[in-house]
Amino acid sequence: MKDPYEVLGVSKDASRDEIKKAYRNLAKKYHPDNYMNNPLADLAAEKFKEINEAYEQLTGDGAQTSGYTGHGGGAGNFAHIRNLINMNRTDEAERELDVMTNRTAEWFFLKGSIFMRRGWHAQGLNFIRQAVNMEPNNPEYRTVLSRYMAQGQQYRRVSQDMGYGVSPCDCCQGMICADCCCECMGGDLIRCC
C-alpha cells in the first residue's frame, strides 16, 4: 500500500484535524455517487477505497475521529462499511452498522446511504438529514443531502408533468370547477356526470 500521508496529501506531522479535513475533501471528490454512468467510475472507486484505507491506517486502532467508541474500533469500521456500500453489499453493511451502539453523524449518514441505495428515499433522507443536523459543517453530508433533495424535486416535477403526483388540492380544485360548470349548465355535478 502507498504511504497513507501521501495518499491523503498531508505531512507526516499533520494533526488529527488536518488528516480528517484532507480525508473528507478527498472522499467528497472521489465519492462513487459523483461518477455514476461515468467511464472513470472504476478509477474513482479505486481511489475512494485507497483514501478510506489510508484514513483507516492513520486513525484506526481505537481512534475516535468519527465518534464511534463501540463494537470493532473507530473510523476504520466506518471506512469498511463505506466500502461495503460502494460494492452494493448493503445487507452486510447494515448488519455492521446495527451492532454499533454509539450513533454518530457518520452512522446516520451511512445508514441513510444504505437506504438510498435500496430506493427507500424517504427513510434515507431522514437519516442523512440527521447526520447533517449532528455535523452541520460536514461538506460531504451537506452535498449528498442537497443532491438527493434536488433529485427529489426533479422527480416530483417530472411526475407532475406526466400527470402523476396530483395533490389533494388539485383534486378539490377540479371538483369545484366541474361543479361550477355543471351548475352554469342548469344541473348539479351528480346529474352532469
Protein backbone atom coordinates (compact mmCIF):
# COMPACT_ATOMS: atom_id res chain seq x y z
CA MET A 1 0.00 0.00 0.00
CA LYS A 2 1.10 3.57 -0.66
CA ASP A 3 2.17 5.89 2.11
CA PRO A 4 -1.13 6.95 3.75
CA TYR A 5 0.14 10.50 4.33
CA GLU A 6 0.92 10.77 0.63
CA VAL A 7 -2.49 9.36 -0.35
CA LEU A 8 -4.26 11.96 1.80
CA GLY A 9 -1.84 14.71 0.77
CA VAL A 10 -0.82 15.66 4.30
CA SER A 11 2.56 15.93 6.00
CA LYS A 12 3.78 13.26 8.41
CA ASP A 13 3.34 15.67 11.31
CA ALA A 14 -0.25 16.53 10.37
CA SER A 15 -2.71 16.86 13.23
CA ARG A 16 -5.74 14.60 13.55
CA ASP A 17 -7.94 17.51 12.41
CA GLU A 18 -5.78 18.09 9.32
CA ILE A 19 -5.98 14.39 8.46
CA LYS A 20 -9.73 14.39 8.94
CA LYS A 21 -10.16 17.51 6.78
CA ALA A 22 -7.98 16.09 3.99
CA TYR A 23 -9.88 12.79 4.12
CA ARG A 24 -13.28 14.49 3.89
CA ASN A 25 -12.22 16.67 0.95
CA LEU A 26 -10.86 13.69 -0.98
CA ALA A 27 -13.79 11.44 -0.05
CA LYS A 28 -16.17 14.11 -1.31
CA LYS A 29 -14.19 14.49 -4.55
CA TYR A 30 -13.90 10.76 -5.32
CA HIS A 31 -17.22 9.52 -3.88
CA PRO A 32 -18.69 6.92 -6.28
CA ASP A 33 -22.01 8.77 -6.44
CA ASN A 34 -20.18 11.57 -8.28
CA TYR A 35 -19.11 9.13 -11.00
CA MET A 36 -22.31 7.22 -11.77
CA ASN A 37 -22.56 6.45 -15.51
CA ASN A 38 -19.07 7.86 -15.98
CA PRO A 39 -16.22 5.99 -17.69
CA LEU A 40 -13.96 6.99 -14.79
CA ALA A 41 -16.21 5.27 -12.22
CA ASP A 42 -13.83 2.34 -11.68
CA LEU A 43 -10.82 4.62 -11.19
CA ALA A 44 -12.77 6.82 -8.78
CA ALA A 45 -13.94 3.78 -6.81
CA GLU A 46 -10.36 2.53 -6.53
CA LYS A 47 -9.15 5.97 -5.42
CA PHE A 48 -12.03 6.18 -2.90
CA LYS A 49 -11.04 2.79 -1.49
CA GLU A 50 -7.40 3.88 -1.28
CA ILE A 51 -8.41 7.08 0.56
CA ASN A 52 -10.52 5.11 3.05
CA GLU A 53 -7.70 2.63 3.69
CA ALA A 54 -5.19 5.44 4.24
CA TYR A 55 -7.56 7.18 6.63
CA GLU A 56 -8.20 3.92 8.48
CA GLN A 57 -4.47 3.29 8.77
CA LEU A 58 -3.82 6.75 10.20
CA THR A 59 -6.82 6.93 12.52
CA GLY A 60 -7.77 3.29 13.25
CA ASP A 61 -6.88 1.14 16.25
CA GLY A 62 -9.25 2.76 18.71
CA ALA A 63 -9.22 6.21 17.13
CA GLN A 64 -12.22 8.33 17.93
CA THR A 65 -12.18 10.58 14.87
CA SER A 66 -15.61 9.57 13.69
CA GLY A 67 -17.01 9.38 17.17
CA TYR A 68 -17.53 5.64 17.25
CA THR A 69 -16.44 4.06 20.51
CA GLY A 70 -18.30 0.76 20.48
CA HIS A 71 -18.04 -2.53 18.61
CA GLY A 72 -14.96 -3.12 16.50
CA GLY A 73 -12.91 0.07 16.66
CA GLY A 74 -13.03 3.60 15.35
CA ALA A 75 -13.07 5.26 11.98
CA GLY A 76 -11.73 2.12 10.32
CA ASN A 77 -15.06 0.38 10.80
CA PHE A 78 -16.83 3.21 9.01
CA ALA A 79 -14.32 3.05 6.15
CA HIS A 80 -15.01 -0.68 5.86
CA ILE A 81 -18.78 -0.08 5.86
CA ARG A 82 -18.38 2.59 3.18
CA ASN A 83 -16.54 0.06 1.04
CA LEU A 84 -19.32 -2.48 1.54
CA ILE A 85 -21.91 0.10 0.47
CA ASN A 86 -19.85 1.01 -2.59
CA MET A 87 -19.73 -2.68 -3.53
CA ASN A 88 -23.54 -2.82 -3.15
CA ARG A 89 -23.28 -5.18 -0.18
CA THR A 90 -25.90 -3.19 1.69
CA ASP A 91 -27.21 -6.04 3.85
CA GLU A 92 -23.76 -6.73 5.23
CA ALA A 93 -23.07 -3.02 5.73
CA GLU A 94 -26.36 -2.57 7.57
CA ARG A 95 -25.65 -5.53 9.86
CA GLU A 96 -22.32 -3.99 10.82
CA LEU A 97 -23.94 -0.62 11.48
CA ASP A 98 -26.74 -2.12 13.53
CA VAL A 99 -24.37 -3.68 16.07
CA MET A 100 -22.82 -0.29 16.83
CA THR A 101 -24.09 1.33 19.98
CA ASN A 102 -22.88 4.91 19.56
CA ARG A 103 -24.96 6.51 16.80
CA THR A 104 -22.76 9.30 15.43
CA ALA A 105 -23.34 11.55 12.43
CA GLU A 106 -21.28 9.15 10.32
CA TRP A 107 -23.52 6.29 11.46
CA PHE A 108 -26.66 8.16 10.37
CA PHE A 109 -25.04 9.17 7.08
CA LEU A 110 -24.08 5.59 6.24
CA LYS A 111 -27.49 4.24 7.28
CA GLY A 112 -29.12 6.83 5.02
CA SER A 113 -26.77 5.91 2.19
CA ILE A 114 -27.81 2.26 2.51
CA PHE A 115 -31.48 3.17 2.36
CA MET A 116 -30.93 5.43 -0.66
CA ARG A 117 -29.13 2.59 -2.45
CA ARG A 118 -32.15 0.39 -1.82
CA GLY A 119 -34.50 3.02 -3.20
CA TRP A 120 -36.03 3.83 0.18
CA HIS A 121 -35.66 7.56 -0.38
CA ALA A 122 -37.88 8.94 2.39
CA GLN A 123 -36.14 6.92 5.10
CA GLY A 124 -32.72 7.55 3.59
CA LEU A 125 -33.27 11.30 3.52
CA ASN A 126 -34.34 11.26 7.17
CA PHE A 127 -31.10 9.55 8.21
CA ILE A 128 -28.94 11.86 6.08
CA ARG A 129 -30.77 14.93 7.47
CA GLN A 130 -29.99 13.66 10.97
CA ALA A 131 -26.30 13.39 10.04
CA VAL A 132 -26.34 16.98 8.75
CA ASN A 133 -28.09 18.15 11.92
CA MET A 134 -25.43 16.47 14.05
CA GLU A 135 -22.50 17.79 11.97
CA PRO A 136 -23.78 20.83 10.05
CA ASN A 137 -20.29 21.81 8.87
CA ASN A 138 -19.56 18.46 7.23
CA PRO A 139 -19.34 19.25 3.49
CA GLU A 140 -19.84 15.64 2.38
CA TYR A 141 -23.09 15.22 4.30
CA ARG A 142 -24.45 18.58 3.12
CA THR A 143 -23.52 17.92 -0.52
CA VAL A 144 -25.15 14.49 -0.56
CA LEU A 145 -28.29 15.83 1.14
CA SER A 146 -28.53 18.72 -1.34
CA ARG A 147 -28.10 16.37 -4.29
CA TYR A 148 -30.80 13.98 -3.09
CA MET A 149 -33.15 16.87 -2.32
CA ALA A 150 -32.62 18.25 -5.84
CA GLN A 151 -33.25 14.81 -7.35
CA GLY A 152 -36.45 14.52 -5.34
CA GLN A 153 -37.67 17.87 -6.64
CA GLN A 154 -36.81 16.86 -10.18
CA TYR A 155 -38.74 13.58 -9.82
CA ARG A 156 -41.75 15.47 -8.48
CA ARG A 157 -41.65 17.90 -11.40
CA VAL A 158 -41.39 15.09 -13.94
CA SER A 159 -44.18 13.10 -12.31
CA GLN A 160 -46.43 16.16 -12.29
CA ASP A 161 -45.61 16.88 -15.94
CA MET A 162 -46.59 13.29 -16.75
CA GLY A 163 -49.88 13.60 -14.89
CA TYR A 164 -48.79 11.76 -11.76
CA GLY A 165 -48.37 13.28 -8.37
CA VAL A 166 -51.72 15.04 -8.31
CA SER A 167 -52.23 16.65 -4.93
CA PRO A 168 -55.49 16.65 -2.97
CA CYS A 169 -55.74 20.38 -3.63
CA ASP A 170 -55.65 19.72 -7.38
CA CYS A 171 -58.48 17.20 -6.98
CA CYS A 172 -60.61 19.65 -4.98
CA GLN A 173 -59.99 22.44 -7.45
CA GLY A 174 -61.02 20.15 -10.29
CA MET A 175 -64.21 19.12 -8.50
CA ILE A 176 -65.13 22.73 -7.67
CA CYS A 177 -64.52 23.76 -11.27
CA ALA A 178 -66.59 20.82 -12.59
CA ASP A 179 -69.42 21.64 -10.13
CA CYS A 180 -69.43 25.30 -11.24
CA CYS A 181 -69.57 24.28 -14.92
CA CYS A 182 -72.42 21.87 -14.27
CA GLU A 183 -74.37 24.47 -12.27
CA CYS A 184 -73.90 27.01 -15.07
CA MET A 185 -75.49 24.49 -17.44
CA GLY A 186 -78.50 24.13 -15.19
CA GLY A 187 -77.67 20.99 -13.28
CA ASP A 188 -75.54 19.77 -10.49
CA LEU A 189 -72.37 17.72 -10.62
CA ILE A 190 -74.02 14.39 -9.95
CA ARG A 191 -76.56 14.70 -12.78
CA CYS A 192 -73.99 16.12 -15.23
CA CYS A 193 -71.55 13.33 -14.71
